[in-house]
Protein backbone atom coordinates (compact mmCIF):
# COMPACT_ATOMS: atom_id res chain seq x y z
CA MET A 1 60.27 42.73 -64.77
CA ASN A 2 57.24 40.61 -65.63
CA LEU A 3 55.04 38.62 -63.26
CA GLN A 4 56.85 35.36 -64.04
CA ASP A 5 60.25 36.80 -63.04
CA TRP A 6 58.71 38.21 -59.87
CA LEU A 7 57.20 34.87 -58.88
CA GLN A 8 60.46 33.09 -59.66
CA GLY A 9 62.23 35.52 -57.36
CA PHE A 10 59.88 34.52 -54.57
CA ALA A 11 60.24 30.83 -55.33
CA GLY A 12 64.03 31.10 -55.39
CA ALA A 13 64.30 32.92 -52.06
CA SER A 14 66.28 31.07 -49.41
CA PRO A 15 64.59 29.44 -46.39
CA LEU A 16 66.68 31.81 -44.27
CA GLU A 17 65.14 34.87 -45.92
CA TRP A 18 61.65 33.43 -45.56
CA THR A 19 62.27 32.75 -41.85
CA ALA A 20 63.38 36.35 -41.31
CA THR A 21 60.41 37.61 -43.31
CA VAL A 22 57.85 35.73 -41.22
CA ALA A 23 59.56 36.65 -37.94
CA GLY A 24 59.60 40.31 -38.99
CA PHE A 25 55.91 40.29 -39.83
CA ILE A 26 55.01 38.81 -36.43
CA CYS A 27 57.33 41.28 -34.69
CA VAL A 28 55.66 44.36 -36.19
CA TYR A 29 52.18 42.95 -35.57
CA LEU A 30 53.06 42.57 -31.88
CA LEU A 31 54.58 46.08 -31.80
CA ILE A 32 51.27 47.50 -33.03
CA LYS A 33 49.61 45.60 -30.19
CA ARG A 34 52.22 47.09 -27.81
CA SER A 35 53.26 43.59 -26.72
CA ILE A 36 56.69 43.01 -25.19
CA TRP A 37 56.89 39.65 -27.01
CA SER A 38 57.62 41.57 -30.22
CA PHE A 39 61.27 41.74 -29.19
CA ALA A 40 61.68 37.95 -29.21
CA PHE A 41 60.59 37.72 -32.85
CA GLY A 42 62.54 40.88 -33.63
CA LEU A 43 65.72 39.24 -32.38
CA VAL A 44 65.24 36.34 -34.78
CA GLN A 45 64.53 38.67 -37.69
CA VAL A 46 67.45 41.07 -37.26
CA SER A 47 70.01 38.35 -36.57
CA ILE A 48 69.20 36.59 -39.85
CA TYR A 49 69.04 39.81 -41.87
CA ALA A 50 72.47 40.90 -40.65
CA TRP A 51 73.87 37.87 -42.50
CA ILE A 52 71.65 38.29 -45.58
CA PHE A 53 72.65 41.94 -46.07
CA TYR A 54 76.34 41.03 -45.73
CA GLU A 55 75.93 38.54 -48.56
CA VAL A 56 74.33 41.13 -50.92
CA LYS A 57 76.83 43.90 -49.96
CA LEU A 58 74.33 46.18 -48.24
CA TYR A 59 76.87 46.94 -45.54
CA SER A 60 75.01 49.84 -43.93
CA ASP A 61 71.97 47.61 -43.53
CA MET A 62 74.18 44.84 -42.14
CA GLY A 63 75.62 47.22 -39.53
CA LEU A 64 72.12 48.47 -38.77
CA HIS A 65 70.88 44.98 -37.99
CA LEU A 66 73.84 44.32 -35.71
CA PHE A 67 72.76 47.42 -33.76
CA TYR A 68 69.19 46.11 -33.86
CA ILE A 69 70.28 43.00 -31.96
CA GLY A 70 71.25 45.22 -29.02
CA PHE A 71 68.08 47.27 -29.41
CA GLN A 72 65.93 44.16 -28.96
CA PHE A 73 67.34 43.63 -25.48
CA TYR A 74 67.21 47.35 -24.66
CA GLY A 75 63.61 47.69 -25.86
CA TRP A 76 62.54 44.63 -23.90
CA PHE A 77 64.11 46.09 -20.73
CA ILE A 78 62.43 49.49 -21.16
CA TRP A 79 59.02 48.10 -22.12
CA ARG A 80 59.04 45.62 -19.26
CA GLN A 81 59.02 48.56 -16.82
CA ALA A 82 56.31 50.59 -18.59
CA GLN A 83 53.30 48.33 -19.00
CA ASP A 84 49.74 49.23 -18.08
CA GLU A 85 47.28 47.02 -16.21
CA SER A 86 46.49 45.04 -19.37
CA GLY A 87 50.16 44.26 -20.07
CA HIS A 88 50.55 46.77 -22.92
CA VAL A 89 53.24 49.44 -23.02
CA ARG A 90 52.22 53.05 -22.27
CA VAL A 91 52.70 55.44 -25.21
CA LEU A 92 54.50 58.79 -24.77
CA LEU A 93 53.80 61.78 -27.01
CA GLY A 94 57.28 63.33 -27.33
CA THR A 95 57.96 66.96 -28.31
CA GLN A 96 58.18 68.76 -31.66
CA LYS A 97 61.74 69.88 -30.84
CA GLU A 98 62.75 66.30 -30.14
CA TYR A 99 61.43 65.01 -33.45
CA LEU A 100 62.98 67.94 -35.39
CA LEU A 101 66.42 67.28 -33.90
CA TRP A 102 66.18 63.60 -34.79
CA LEU A 103 65.16 64.52 -38.35
CA ILE A 104 68.23 66.76 -38.71
CA ALA A 105 70.37 63.94 -37.33
CA VAL A 106 69.01 61.57 -39.99
CA VAL A 107 69.81 63.97 -42.85
CA CYS A 108 73.37 64.70 -41.66
CA SER A 109 74.25 61.11 -40.80
CA THR A 110 72.86 59.85 -44.12
CA TYR A 111 75.22 62.13 -46.02
CA ILE A 112 78.24 61.16 -43.90
CA VAL A 113 77.61 57.40 -43.99
CA GLY A 114 76.72 57.45 -47.70
CA PHE A 115 79.91 59.37 -48.52
CA LEU A 116 82.09 56.99 -46.50
CA MET A 117 80.46 53.95 -48.11
CA THR A 118 81.03 55.46 -51.57
CA GLN A 119 84.69 56.24 -50.91
CA TYR A 120 85.84 53.20 -48.96
CA THR A 121 83.61 50.21 -49.81
CA ASP A 122 81.97 48.51 -52.77
CA ALA A 123 78.56 49.10 -51.20
CA SER A 124 75.54 48.93 -53.47
CA LEU A 125 73.17 51.95 -53.45
CA PRO A 126 75.26 53.67 -50.73
CA TYR A 127 73.09 56.73 -50.04
CA ALA A 128 69.74 54.93 -50.08
CA ASP A 129 71.28 52.20 -47.93
CA ALA A 130 72.71 54.84 -45.58
CA PHE A 131 69.33 56.55 -45.28
CA THR A 132 67.47 53.39 -44.31
CA THR A 133 70.22 52.65 -41.80
CA CYS A 134 70.31 56.08 -40.14
CA ALA A 135 66.56 56.68 -40.17
CA SER A 136 65.90 53.17 -38.87
CA LEU A 137 68.25 53.68 -35.93
CA VAL A 138 66.36 56.84 -34.99
CA ALA A 139 62.99 55.13 -35.46
CA GLN A 140 64.12 52.16 -33.37
CA TRP A 141 65.34 54.45 -30.59
CA LEU A 142 62.01 56.31 -30.56
CA LEU A 143 60.17 52.98 -30.59
CA SER A 144 62.23 51.67 -27.68
CA ARG A 145 61.45 54.87 -25.78
CA LYS A 146 57.73 54.37 -26.53
CA LYS A 147 57.42 57.65 -28.50
CA LEU A 148 54.22 58.02 -30.51
CA PHE A 149 55.69 59.28 -33.79
CA ASN A 150 58.30 56.54 -34.19
CA TRP A 151 55.86 55.17 -36.75
CA ALA A 152 56.17 58.27 -38.95
CA PHE A 153 59.90 57.58 -39.28
CA TRP A 154 59.22 53.92 -40.05
CA ILE A 155 56.78 54.87 -42.82
CA VAL A 156 59.46 56.84 -44.69
CA VAL A 157 62.07 54.12 -44.09
CA ASP A 158 59.74 51.46 -45.47
CA LEU A 159 59.08 53.44 -48.67
CA VAL A 160 62.81 53.69 -49.42
CA ALA A 161 63.55 50.13 -48.30
CA ILE A 162 60.93 48.64 -50.65
CA ALA A 163 62.71 50.19 -53.64
CA VAL A 164 66.18 49.17 -52.44
CA TYR A 165 65.34 45.53 -51.75
CA TRP A 166 63.37 45.18 -54.96
CA GLN A 167 66.38 46.39 -56.93
CA LYS A 168 68.59 43.87 -55.08
CA GLN A 169 66.09 41.11 -56.01
CA LEU A 170 65.23 40.40 -52.38
CA TYR A 171 61.59 39.94 -53.33
CA PRO A 172 60.20 38.40 -50.13
CA THR A 173 62.00 41.13 -48.20
CA SER A 174 60.53 43.88 -50.40
CA ALA A 175 57.09 42.32 -49.90
CA LEU A 176 57.74 42.23 -46.15
CA TYR A 177 58.55 45.94 -46.17
CA LEU A 178 55.38 46.65 -48.12
CA CYS A 179 53.53 44.91 -45.29
CA PHE A 180 55.64 46.92 -42.84
CA LEU A 181 54.54 50.13 -44.58
CA ILE A 182 50.87 49.24 -44.21
CA MET A 183 51.40 48.08 -40.63
CA ALA A 184 53.34 51.26 -39.75
CA ILE A 185 50.36 53.34 -40.89
CA VAL A 186 48.08 51.15 -38.76
CA GLY A 187 50.57 51.35 -35.90
CA GLN A 188 50.57 55.15 -35.97
CA TRP A 189 46.79 55.15 -35.79
CA GLN A 190 46.58 52.51 -33.05
CA TRP A 191 49.26 54.14 -30.88
CA HIS A 192 47.64 57.55 -31.26
CA LYS A 193 44.34 56.03 -30.19
CA ALA A 194 46.02 54.38 -27.20
CA TRP A 195 47.68 57.67 -26.20
CA GLN A 196 44.35 59.52 -26.44
CA ASN A 197 42.64 56.86 -24.31
CA ASN A 198 45.38 57.16 -21.70
CA GLN A 199 44.99 60.95 -21.62
CA THR A 200 41.23 60.58 -21.16
CA ALA A 201 41.73 58.08 -18.35
CA GLN A 202 44.13 60.43 -16.55
CA GLN A 203 41.71 63.34 -16.79
CA SER A 204 38.72 61.38 -15.48
């Protein structure tokens, strides 16, 4: 693909996809800032993308975003009860065992969902689609529970998602996930810094 085709892909993107793209960018920015308002923009993003992924036959991603709708309300409820004096959510470290078990769950569920999609649907890129779905659910759960290394899961998801959406010619979405990748790296750093500051405050 040359630069002209790439730019045409952006120009031809629907207003609906652009709306979801902008809402998603704002959502992740607010997540890095540990702001509860991220869930309002997240609700807009995931609702629109559920429809977009249905249209391009990424059924695992469609199902994922339907789950995400519920996660927006769940995350808002949890975060509302765990804010510090400045209105930001408190970060929890989590355990190595916890993260290892979730990693195993991602691998096993990716194989199962990918196999089912291959056998019983006309899904495009079934295993890559299944991976982004399963890993994203785990990352979203860890995020909702305020766990520090949710961002590590998001980083891997974003790398795979960029390739998938580029191949499906969802160019603004692939660009969004490139931004997500950069922001996830920043988010990991910022949350780690916030956790360290909280530990220092507790010890003093």
